[in-house]
């Protein structure tokens, strides 16, 4: 069973994805999904074990960060703001 930090590494990866975006920039959810699913672990060339996700779970994670807005049909907008990877 997962503990209190079950989405911690996914949230950190989403914040890293947001670092590549400009405030107000639009993107499709598949771009973020591809980023999370192909993210490499630090210090190795393997995929990170705990950032894998699917298109059903990702919208909830994007809303949880509070820095994205859903525009409908898979389109999202990065609202900018403070990006703190530990929240």
PDB file of N, CA and C in Angstrom:
ATOM      1  N   UNK A   1       0.839  -1.188   0.000  1.00  0.00           N
ATOM      2  CA  UNK A   1       0.000   0.000   0.000  1.00  0.00           C
ATOM      3  C   UNK A   1       0.882   1.249   0.000  1.00  0.00           C
ATOM      4  N   UNK A   2       0.416   2.234  -0.702  1.00  0.00           N
ATOM      5  CA  UNK A   2       1.151   3.494  -0.787  1.00  0.00           C
ATOM      6  C   UNK A   2       0.914   4.321   0.474  1.00  0.00           C
ATOM      7  N   UNK A   3       1.919   5.045   0.837  1.00  0.00           N
ATOM      8  CA  UNK A   3       1.823   5.878   2.028  1.00  0.00           C
ATOM      9  C   UNK A   3       1.407   7.297   1.690  1.00  0.00           C
ATOM     10  N   UNK A   4       1.807   8.216   2.534  1.00  0.00           N
ATOM     11  CA  UNK A   4       1.411   9.614   2.407  1.00  0.00           C
ATOM     12  C   UNK A   4       2.077  10.316   1.229  1.00  0.00           C
ATOM     13  N   UNK A   5       3.119   9.736   0.674  1.00  0.00           N
ATOM     14  CA  UNK A   5       3.856  10.410  -0.400  1.00  0.00           C
ATOM     15  C   UNK A   5       3.746   9.666  -1.724  1.00  0.00           C
ATOM     16  N   UNK A   6       2.603   9.093  -2.021  1.00  0.00           N
ATOM     17  CA  UNK A   6       2.503   8.245  -3.203  1.00  0.00           C
ATOM     18  C   UNK A   6       2.609   9.004  -4.523  1.00  0.00           C
ATOM     19  N   UNK A   7       2.328  10.293  -4.558  1.00  0.00           N
ATOM     20  CA  UNK A   7       2.433  11.060  -5.790  1.00  0.00           C
ATOM     21  C   UNK A   7       3.565  12.077  -5.750  1.00  0.00           C
ATOM     22  N   UNK A   8       4.425  11.995  -4.787  1.00  0.00           N
ATOM     23  CA  UNK A   8       5.475  12.991  -4.605  1.00  0.00           C
ATOM     24  C   UNK A   8       6.357  13.134  -5.843  1.00  0.00           C
ATOM     25  N   UNK A   9       6.826  12.031  -6.387  1.00  0.00           N
ATOM     26  CA  UNK A   9       7.734  12.097  -7.527  1.00  0.00           C
ATOM     27  C   UNK A   9       7.009  12.515  -8.801  1.00  0.00           C
ATOM     28  N   UNK A  10       5.725  12.199  -8.915  1.00  0.00           N
ATOM     29  CA  UNK A  10       4.950  12.664 -10.065  1.00  0.00           C
ATOM     30  C   UNK A  10       4.789  14.179 -10.021  1.00  0.00           C
ATOM     31  N   UNK A  11       4.503  14.713  -8.845  1.00  0.00           N
ATOM     32  CA  UNK A  11       4.349  16.165  -8.683  1.00  0.00           C
ATOM     33  C   UNK A  11       5.670  16.874  -8.994  1.00  0.00           C
ATOM     34  N   UNK A  12       6.782  16.323  -8.530  1.00  0.00           N
ATOM     35  CA  UNK A  12       8.089  16.907  -8.823  1.00  0.00           C
ATOM     36  C   UNK A  12       8.334  16.918 -10.328  1.00  0.00           C
ATOM     37  N   UNK A  13       7.989  15.824 -11.010  1.00  0.00           N
ATOM     38  CA  UNK A  13       8.171  15.741 -12.461  1.00  0.00           C
ATOM     39  C   UNK A  13       7.267  16.738 -13.185  1.00  0.00           C
ATOM     40  N   UNK A  14       6.051  16.950 -12.691  1.00  0.00           N
ATOM     41  CA  UNK A  14       5.141  17.933 -13.298  1.00  0.00           C
ATOM     42  C   UNK A  14       5.725  19.337 -13.154  1.00  0.00           C
ATOM     43  N   UNK A  15       6.318  19.636 -12.020  1.00  0.00           N
ATOM     44  CA  UNK A  15       6.955  20.938 -11.838  1.00  0.00           C
ATOM     45  C   UNK A  15       8.155  21.095 -12.770  1.00  0.00           C
ATOM     46  N   UNK A  16       8.880  20.018 -13.027  1.00  0.00           N
ATOM     47  CA  UNK A  16       9.979  20.087 -13.985  1.00  0.00           C
ATOM     48  C   UNK A  16       9.449  20.317 -15.393  1.00  0.00           C
ATOM     49  N   UNK A  17       8.311  19.724 -15.725  1.00  0.00           N
ATOM     50  CA  UNK A  17       7.666  19.981 -17.011  1.00  0.00           C
ATOM     51  C   UNK A  17       7.265  21.448 -17.107  1.00  0.00           C
ATOM     52  N   UNK A  18       6.754  22.008 -16.004  1.00  0.00           N
ATOM     53  CA  UNK A  18       6.330  23.408 -15.985  1.00  0.00           C
ATOM     54  C   UNK A  18       7.505  24.363 -16.139  1.00  0.00           C
ATOM     55  N   UNK A  19       8.696  23.943 -15.727  1.00  0.00           N
ATOM     56  CA  UNK A  19       9.882  24.793 -15.887  1.00  0.00           C
ATOM     57  C   UNK A  19      10.182  25.085 -17.354  1.00  0.00           C
ATOM     58  N   UNK A  20       9.725  24.212 -18.252  1.00  0.00           N
ATOM     59  CA  UNK A  20       9.969  24.391 -19.681  1.00  0.00           C
ATOM     60  C   UNK A  20       8.897  25.227 -20.361  1.00  0.00           C
ATOM     61  N   UNK A  21       7.860  25.634 -19.627  1.00  0.00           N
ATOM     62  CA  UNK A  21       6.744  26.389 -20.202  1.00  0.00           C
ATOM     63  C   UNK A  21       6.816  27.857 -19.810  1.00  0.00           C
ATOM     64  N   UNK A  22       6.239  28.695 -20.652  1.00  0.00           N
ATOM     65  CA  UNK A  22       6.092  30.115 -20.338  1.00  0.00           C
ATOM     66  C   UNK A  22       4.720  30.326 -19.721  1.00  0.00           C
ATOM     67  N   UNK A  23       4.573  31.364 -18.948  1.00  0.00           N
ATOM     68  CA  UNK A  23       3.291  31.665 -18.321  1.00  0.00           C
ATOM     69  C   UNK A  23       2.234  31.916 -19.393  1.00  0.00           C
ATOM     70  N   UNK A  24       1.101  31.243 -19.270  1.00  0.00           N
ATOM     71  CA  UNK A  24       0.022  31.390 -20.224  1.00  0.00           C
ATOM     72  C   UNK A  24       0.124  30.465 -21.421  1.00  0.00           C
ATOM     73  N   UNK A  25       1.179  29.662 -21.497  1.00  0.00           N
ATOM     74  CA  UNK A  25       1.376  28.772 -22.644  1.00  0.00           C
ATOM     75  C   UNK A  25       0.391  27.600 -22.600  1.00  0.00           C
ATOM     76  N   UNK A  26      -0.145  27.249 -23.764  1.00  0.00           N
ATOM     77  CA  UNK A  26      -1.083  26.133 -23.886  1.00  0.00           C
ATOM     78  C   UNK A  26      -0.310  24.883 -24.284  1.00  0.00           C
ATOM     79  N   UNK A  27      -0.805  23.727 -23.818  1.00  0.00           N
ATOM     80  CA  UNK A  27      -0.209  22.458 -24.194  1.00  0.00           C
ATOM     81  C   UNK A  27      -1.281  21.381 -24.134  1.00  0.00           C
ATOM     82  N   UNK A  28      -1.033  20.285 -24.833  1.00  0.00           N
ATOM     83  CA  UNK A  28      -1.952  19.147 -24.790  1.00  0.00           C
ATOM     84  C   UNK A  28      -1.470  18.205 -23.698  1.00  0.00           C
ATOM     85  N   UNK A  29      -2.411  17.557 -23.052  1.00  0.00           N
ATOM     86  CA  UNK A  29      -2.079  16.699 -21.916  1.00  0.00           C
ATOM     87  C   UNK A  29      -1.142  15.560 -22.321  1.00  0.00           C
ATOM     88  N   UNK A  30      -1.165  15.169 -23.597  1.00  0.00           N
ATOM     89  CA  UNK A  30      -0.260  14.105 -24.062  1.00  0.00           C
ATOM     90  C   UNK A  30       1.204  14.514 -23.938  1.00  0.00           C
ATOM     91  N   UNK A  31       1.499  15.816 -24.091  1.00  0.00           N
ATOM     92  CA  UNK A  31       2.877  16.291 -23.948  1.00  0.00           C
ATOM     93  C   UNK A  31       3.381  16.059 -22.529  1.00  0.00           C
ATOM     94  N   UNK A  32       2.556  16.387 -21.546  1.00  0.00           N
ATOM     95  CA  UNK A  32       2.926  16.175 -20.150  1.00  0.00           C
ATOM     96  C   UNK A  32       3.014  14.680 -19.841  1.00  0.00           C
ATOM     97  N   UNK A  33       2.089  13.910 -20.381  1.00  0.00           N
ATOM     98  CA  UNK A  33       2.079  12.469 -20.168  1.00  0.00           C
ATOM     99  C   UNK A  33       3.347  11.832 -20.729  1.00  0.00           C
ATOM    100  N   UNK A  34       3.750  12.242 -21.913  1.00  0.00           N
ATOM    101  CA  UNK A  34       4.976  11.725 -22.516  1.00  0.00           C
ATOM    102  C   UNK A  34       6.193  12.110 -21.692  1.00  0.00           C
ATOM    103  N   UNK A  35       6.209  13.342 -21.185  1.00  0.00           N
ATOM    104  CA  UNK A  35       7.325  13.791 -20.350  1.00  0.00           C
ATOM    105  C   UNK A  35       7.447  12.924 -19.103  1.00  0.00           C
ATOM    106  N   UNK A  36       6.342  12.677 -18.415  1.00  0.00           N
ATOM    107  CA  UNK A  36       6.374  11.878 -17.195  1.00  0.00           C
ATOM    108  C   UNK A  36       6.753  10.429 -17.471  1.00  0.00           C
ATOM    109  N   UNK A  37       6.229   9.859 -18.541  1.00  0.00           N
ATOM    110  CA  UNK A  37       6.472   8.449 -18.803  1.00  0.00           C
ATOM    111  C   UNK A  37       7.850   8.162 -19.390  1.00  0.00           C
ATOM    112  N   UNK A  38       8.535   9.169 -19.904  1.00  0.00           N
ATOM    113  CA  UNK A  38       9.868   8.959 -20.462  1.00  0.00           C
ATOM    114  C   UNK A  38      10.953   9.628 -19.623  1.00  0.00           C
ATOM    115  N   UNK A  39      10.602  10.155 -18.462  1.00  0.00           N
ATOM    116  CA  UNK A  39      11.566  10.844 -17.598  1.00  0.00           C
ATOM    117  C   UNK A  39      12.618   9.867 -17.088  1.00  0.00           C
ATOM    118  N   UNK A  40      13.866  10.272 -17.168  1.00  0.00           N
ATOM    119  CA  UNK A  40      14.974   9.429 -16.719  1.00  0.00           C
ATOM    120  C   UNK A  40      15.279   9.702 -15.257  1.00  0.00           C
ATOM    121  N   UNK A  41      15.704   8.662 -14.555  1.00  0.00           N
ATOM    122  CA  UNK A  41      16.111   8.799 -13.164  1.00  0.00           C
ATOM    123  C   UNK A  41      17.449   9.534 -13.108  1.00  0.00           C
ATOM    124  N   UNK A  42      17.658  10.286 -12.044  1.00  0.00           N
ATOM    125  CA  UNK A  42      18.904  11.022 -11.866  1.00  0.00           C
ATOM    126  C   UNK A  42      20.030  10.020 -11.610  1.00  0.00           C
ATOM    127  N   UNK A  43      21.121  10.175 -12.342  1.00  0.00           N
ATOM    128  CA  UNK A  43      22.274   9.325 -12.122  1.00  0.00           C
ATOM    129  C   UNK A  43      22.268   8.020 -12.902  1.00  0.00           C
ATOM    130  N   UNK A  44      21.233   7.782 -13.693  1.00  0.00           N
ATOM    131  CA  UNK A  44      21.208   6.571 -14.515  1.00  0.00           C
ATOM    132  C   UNK A  44      20.500   6.877 -15.825  1.00  0.00           C
ATOM    133  N   UNK A  45      20.478   5.923 -16.691  1.00  0.00           N
ATOM    134  CA  UNK A  45      19.836   6.114 -17.980  1.00  0.00           C
ATOM    135  C   UNK A  45      18.523   5.345 -18.059  1.00  0.00           C
ATOM    136  N   UNK A  46      17.986   4.963 -16.918  1.00  0.00           N
ATOM    137  CA  UNK A  46      16.738   4.208 -16.889  1.00  0.00           C
ATOM    138  C   UNK A  46      15.566   5.143 -16.601  1.00  0.00           C
ATOM    139  N   UNK A  47      14.381   4.706 -16.988  1.00  0.00           N
ATOM    140  CA  UNK A  47      13.184   5.482 -16.665  1.00  0.00           C
ATOM    141  C   UNK A  47      12.965   5.495 -15.159  1.00  0.00           C
ATOM    142  N   UNK A  48      12.458   6.628 -14.683  1.00  0.00           N
ATOM    143  CA  UNK A  48      12.164   6.753 -13.259  1.00  0.00           C
ATOM    144  C   UNK A  48      10.998   5.837 -12.910  1.00  0.00           C
ATOM    145  N   UNK A  49      11.126   5.078 -11.835  1.00  0.00           N
ATOM    146  CA  UNK A  49      10.114   4.080 -11.480  1.00  0.00           C
ATOM    147  C   UNK A  49       8.794   4.689 -11.023  1.00  0.00           C
ATOM    148  N   UNK A  50       8.855   5.827 -10.345  1.00  0.00           N
ATOM    149  CA  UNK A  50       7.658   6.331  -9.680  1.00  0.00           C
ATOM    150  C   UNK A  50       7.010   7.536 -10.358  1.00  0.00           C
ATOM    151  N   UNK A  51       7.365   7.829 -11.590  1.00  0.00           N
ATOM    152  CA  UNK A  51       6.697   8.931 -12.287  1.00  0.00           C
ATOM    153  C   UNK A  51       5.773   8.443 -13.386  1.00  0.00           C
ATOM    154  N   UNK A  52       5.665   7.141 -13.595  1.00  0.00           N
ATOM    155  CA  UNK A  52       4.773   6.607 -14.621  1.00  0.00           C
ATOM    156  C   UNK A  52       3.325   6.908 -14.240  1.00  0.00           C
ATOM    157  N   UNK A  53       2.532   7.330 -15.204  1.00  0.00           N
ATOM    158  CA  UNK A  53       1.134   7.642 -14.952  1.00  0.00           C
ATOM    159  C   UNK A  53       0.338   7.386 -16.227  1.00  0.00           C
ATOM    160  N   UNK A  54      -0.975   7.601 -16.155  1.00  0.00           N
ATOM    161  CA  UNK A  54      -1.823   7.422 -17.334  1.00  0.00           C
ATOM    162  C   UNK A  54      -2.709   8.644 -17.508  1.00  0.00           C
ATOM    163  N   UNK A  55      -3.430   8.675 -18.610  1.00  0.00           N
ATOM    164  CA  UNK A  55      -4.221   9.862 -18.949  1.00  0.00           C
ATOM    165  C   UNK A  55      -5.435  10.043 -18.051  1.00  0.00           C
ATOM    166  N   UNK A  56      -5.800   9.037 -17.285  1.00  0.00           N
ATOM    167  CA  UNK A  56      -6.912   9.191 -16.349  1.00  0.00           C
ATOM    168  C   UNK A  56      -6.474   9.867 -15.056  1.00  0.00           C
ATOM    169  N   UNK A  57      -5.261   9.614 -14.638  1.00  0.00           N
ATOM    170  CA  UNK A  57      -4.764  10.138 -13.371  1.00  0.00           C
ATOM    171  C   UNK A  57      -4.130  11.522 -13.507  1.00  0.00           C
ATOM    172  N   UNK A  58      -3.587  11.817 -14.665  1.00  0.00           N
ATOM    173  CA  UNK A  58      -2.839  13.062 -14.848  1.00  0.00           C
ATOM    174  C   UNK A  58      -3.650  14.335 -14.632  1.00  0.00           C
ATOM    175  N   UNK A  59      -4.914  14.434 -15.084  1.00  0.00           N
ATOM    176  CA  UNK A  59      -5.660  15.676 -14.809  1.00  0.00           C
ATOM    177  C   UNK A  59      -5.795  15.986 -13.324  1.00  0.00           C
ATOM    178  N   UNK A  60      -5.989  14.965 -12.507  1.00  0.00           N
ATOM    179  CA  UNK A  60      -6.079  15.178 -11.060  1.00  0.00           C
ATOM    180  C   UNK A  60      -4.759  15.713 -10.519  1.00  0.00           C
ATOM    181  N   UNK A  61      -3.654  15.194 -11.019  1.00  0.00           N
ATOM    182  CA  UNK A  61      -2.344  15.657 -10.562  1.00  0.00           C
ATOM    183  C   UNK A  61      -2.075  17.093 -11.004  1.00  0.00           C
ATOM    184  N   UNK A  62      -2.471  17.439 -12.231  1.00  0.00           N
ATOM    185  CA  UNK A  62      -2.284  18.813 -12.709  1.00  0.00           C
ATOM    186  C   UNK A  62      -3.119  19.794 -11.894  1.00  0.00           C
ATOM    187  N   UNK A  63      -4.343  19.412 -11.564  1.00  0.00           N
ATOM    188  CA  UNK A  63      -5.184  20.283 -10.733  1.00  0.00           C
ATOM    189  C   UNK A  63      -4.607  20.437  -9.327  1.00  0.00           C
ATOM    190  N   UNK A  64      -4.021  19.360  -8.803  1.00  0.00           N
ATOM    191  CA  UNK A  64      -3.464  19.385  -7.446  1.00  0.00           C
ATOM    192  C   UNK A  64      -2.322  20.385  -7.321  1.00  0.00           C
ATOM    193  N   UNK A  65      -1.561  20.591  -8.396  1.00  0.00           N
ATOM    194  CA  UNK A  65      -0.447  21.532  -8.325  1.00  0.00           C
ATOM    195  C   UNK A  65      -0.928  22.972  -8.219  1.00  0.00           C
ATOM    196  N   UNK A  66      -2.100  23.264  -8.791  1.00  0.00           N
ATOM    197  CA  UNK A  66      -2.664  24.607  -8.703  1.00  0.00           C
ATOM    198  C   UNK A  66      -2.076  25.617  -9.670  1.00  0.00           C
ATOM    199  N   UNK A  67      -1.256  25.169 -10.618  1.00  0.00           N
ATOM    200  CA  UNK A  67      -0.631  26.102 -11.550  1.00  0.00           C
ATOM    201  C   UNK A  67      -1.054  25.845 -12.991  1.00  0.00           C
ATOM    202  N   UNK A  68      -2.059  24.988 -13.171  1.00  0.00           N
ATOM    203  CA  UNK A  68      -2.567  24.662 -14.503  1.00  0.00           C
ATOM    204  C   UNK A  68      -4.079  24.846 -14.536  1.00  0.00           C
ATOM    205  N   UNK A  69      -4.606  25.172 -15.713  1.00  0.00           N
ATOM    206  CA  UNK A  69      -6.046  25.318 -15.918  1.00  0.00           C
ATOM    207  C   UNK A  69      -6.452  24.477 -17.122  1.00  0.00           C
ATOM    208  N   UNK A  70      -7.527  23.718 -16.956  1.00  0.00           N
ATOM    209  CA  UNK A  70      -8.043  22.909 -18.048  1.00  0.00           C
ATOM    210  C   UNK A  70      -8.886  23.784 -18.974  1.00  0.00           C
ATOM    211  N   UNK A  71      -8.609  23.690 -20.268  1.00  0.00           N
ATOM    212  CA  UNK A  71      -9.355  24.449 -21.266  1.00  0.00           C
ATOM    213  C   UNK A  71     -10.344  23.567 -22.022  1.00  0.00           C
ATOM    214  N   UNK A  72     -10.308  22.262 -21.784  1.00  0.00           N
ATOM    215  CA  UNK A  72     -11.214  21.327 -22.448  1.00  0.00           C
ATOM    216  C   UNK A  72     -10.546  20.583 -23.587  1.00  0.00           C
ATOM    217  N   UNK A  73     -11.042  19.396 -23.876  1.00  0.00           N
ATOM    218  CA  UNK A  73     -10.545  18.546 -24.968  1.00  0.00           C
ATOM    219  C   UNK A  73      -9.047  18.279 -24.876  1.00  0.00           C
ATOM    220  N   UNK A  74      -8.544  18.080 -23.678  1.00  0.00           N
ATOM    221  CA  UNK A  74      -7.134  17.753 -23.502  1.00  0.00           C
ATOM    222  C   UNK A  74      -6.198  18.939 -23.519  1.00  0.00           C
ATOM    223  N   UNK A  75      -6.713  20.135 -23.744  1.00  0.00           N
ATOM    224  CA  UNK A  75      -5.877  21.344 -23.756  1.00  0.00           C
ATOM    225  C   UNK A  75      -5.781  21.912 -22.344  1.00  0.00           C
ATOM    226  N   UNK A  76      -4.565  22.251 -21.947  1.00  0.00           N
ATOM    227  CA  UNK A  76      -4.304  22.841 -20.644  1.00  0.00           C
ATOM    228  C   UNK A  76      -3.491  24.107 -20.826  1.00  0.00           C
ATOM    229  N   UNK A  77      -3.549  24.979 -19.811  1.00  0.00           N
ATOM    230  CA  UNK A  77      -2.780  26.223 -19.824  1.00  0.00           C
ATOM    231  C   UNK A  77      -1.947  26.298 -18.554  1.00  0.00           C
ATOM    232  N   UNK A  78      -0.689  26.670 -18.720  1.00  0.00           N
ATOM    233  CA  UNK A  78       0.188  26.907 -17.573  1.00  0.00           C
ATOM    234  C   UNK A  78      -0.036  28.336 -17.107  1.00  0.00           C
ATOM    235  N   UNK A  79      -0.495  28.498 -15.871  1.00  0.00           N
ATOM    236  CA  UNK A  79      -0.830  29.814 -15.352  1.00  0.00           C
ATOM    237  C   UNK A  79       0.360  30.547 -14.757  1.00  0.00           C
ATOM    238  N   UNK A  80       1.461  29.871 -14.655  1.00  0.00           N
ATOM    239  CA  UNK A  80       2.645  30.501 -14.059  1.00  0.00           C
ATOM    240  C   UNK A  80       2.548  30.414 -12.557  1.00  0.00           C
ATOM    241  N   UNK A  81       3.106  31.375 -11.909  1.00  0.00           N
ATOM    242  CA  UNK A  81       3.092  31.366 -10.457  1.00  0.00           C
ATOM    243  C   UNK A  81       4.344  30.719  -9.899  1.00  0.00           C
ATOM    244  N   UNK A  82       4.336  30.535  -8.619  1.00  0.00           N
ATOM    245  CA  UNK A  82       5.486  29.963  -7.926  1.00  0.00           C
ATOM    246  C   UNK A  82       5.500  28.462  -8.150  1.00  0.00           C
ATOM    247  N   UNK A  83       6.618  27.971  -8.635  1.00  0.00           N
ATOM    248  CA  UNK A  83       6.761  26.536  -8.863  1.00  0.00           C
ATOM    249  C   UNK A  83       7.624  25.989  -7.742  1.00  0.00           C
ATOM    250  N   UNK A  84       6.984  25.324  -6.782  1.00  0.00           N
ATOM    251  CA  UNK A  84       7.691  24.711  -5.660  1.00  0.00           C
ATOM    252  C   UNK A  84       7.502  23.211  -5.776  1.00  0.00           C
ATOM    253  N   UNK A  85       8.541  22.493  -6.112  1.00  0.00           N
ATOM    254  CA  UNK A  85       8.440  21.063  -6.395  1.00  0.00           C
ATOM    255  C   UNK A  85       8.132  20.237  -5.161  1.00  0.00           C
ATOM    256  N   UNK A  86       8.202  20.807  -3.977  1.00  0.00           N
ATOM    257  CA  UNK A  86       7.970  20.023  -2.764  1.00  0.00           C
ATOM    258  C   UNK A  86       6.523  20.010  -2.327  1.00  0.00           C
ATOM    259  N   UNK A  87       5.648  20.754  -3.002  1.00  0.00           N
ATOM    260  CA  UNK A  87       4.236  20.761  -2.617  1.00  0.00           C
ATOM    261  C   UNK A  87       3.457  19.757  -3.418  1.00  0.00           C
TER     262      UNK A  87
END
